[in-house]
């Protein structure tokens, strides 16, 4: 605004210089035209013309303390100059004429400028207050739209309890970020519910596995204490208790293995073929299994492996018993062979197979396939075997073509 004022005043100063200093060179019509323009733009009482001796030679401006000799000299040196006081704007130019060198100074009252600035200030304040009010109203409106889905989510979460916490959140007509948040929450709740289910199954498994040997121990002790026994009978009871205790220890090891609480076991040199034959022998005795066995290993040293015999037997036994159970005791084929300096054990059945949708979960604790509803089980055999094989750095590959399952172990 100030720059505009000085620019406008510069035009008026130039017009005043032409009126006062070029009068002798203008025709009468030109003179009248310049005079009319000057009357319309500035009063003569706001014009002062100074000669080279700083004497006012034209203009009707009365003495003004702000127009000092220093200001006039500055205009001569710089060809023009500006000055501002509390009441006026001043502008001066250095003008060369055929009668000499002059300094022409004009001034303009700041009242109009101050009035305009005050009006502008009021306008800005009004616009600011209106903007604040508009922003507040829009923020309330937009905030309601933005936070309404979140409030609905919070209400649904508050309504959840231990009975329906698994129920997913539902939200309609929301923006992408909230939809992604709801989907993430539902996924988290689904996984949490799955964890609780696994925990419950794990507790049930612990209860079952511990109750059986403990019941057997207590029953044996109760029967034994009913009457005096011979040394041979007491020795037999001690053997039974030792076996029950060993079963209890095995169950504890299996539970710790499943939970990840125990990862260190005693390893030594074992023979894979001996472990496999032991598993096959038990399958013949307990399940009357029909197992076709084929061993094709030329170098007996290949059969040696550094591991825990008990764990490996338990892991292989789980796979063989699964093959027997899920094939309704149909023939099972077991191949032990060497390939590319690696020992491979292949167990193949002709049972119900594994649905493709279950392959990603079959090694998880307590997971049971969608087609196993007619068969008893807790869903821990394959997961335990997977943990044991991983502990022994044995690779387990499972494949199924709809009918039958093949488990291949690379030792």
Foldseek 3Di string as FASTA:
>chain_A
DVVVVQVLVVVLQVLVCCQPFVVVVDDPVVNVVSVVVNVVRDDLLQKFKAAPVRDTDDGNPDDDPVPDPVQQVVQVVVQKDWDDDPFKTKIWGWDQHPVHIMIMMGIDTCPVVVVVVVVVVVVVVVVVVVVVVVCVVVCVVVVCLQCVLVVQVVVVCVPDDPVCLLPQDDDPDHDDVVVVVSVVVNVVSPVVVVVVVLVVLLVVLLCVQQCVLVVVLVVLVVVPVPDPDDPVVVVVSVVVNVVSVVSNVVSVVLSCLQVVVDLDDDKDKDFQVVLVVVLVVVCCVPPVAAEAEEEAEDDSVLRIAIGDSVLQSLLVNLVQVVQCQQAVRDYKYWYWYDDPSWIKIKIKHFGQWADPVCPVPLLHFQDDGPPCPVTDDRSHNNVSSVSRCVSRVWDWDWDTDRTMIMIMIID
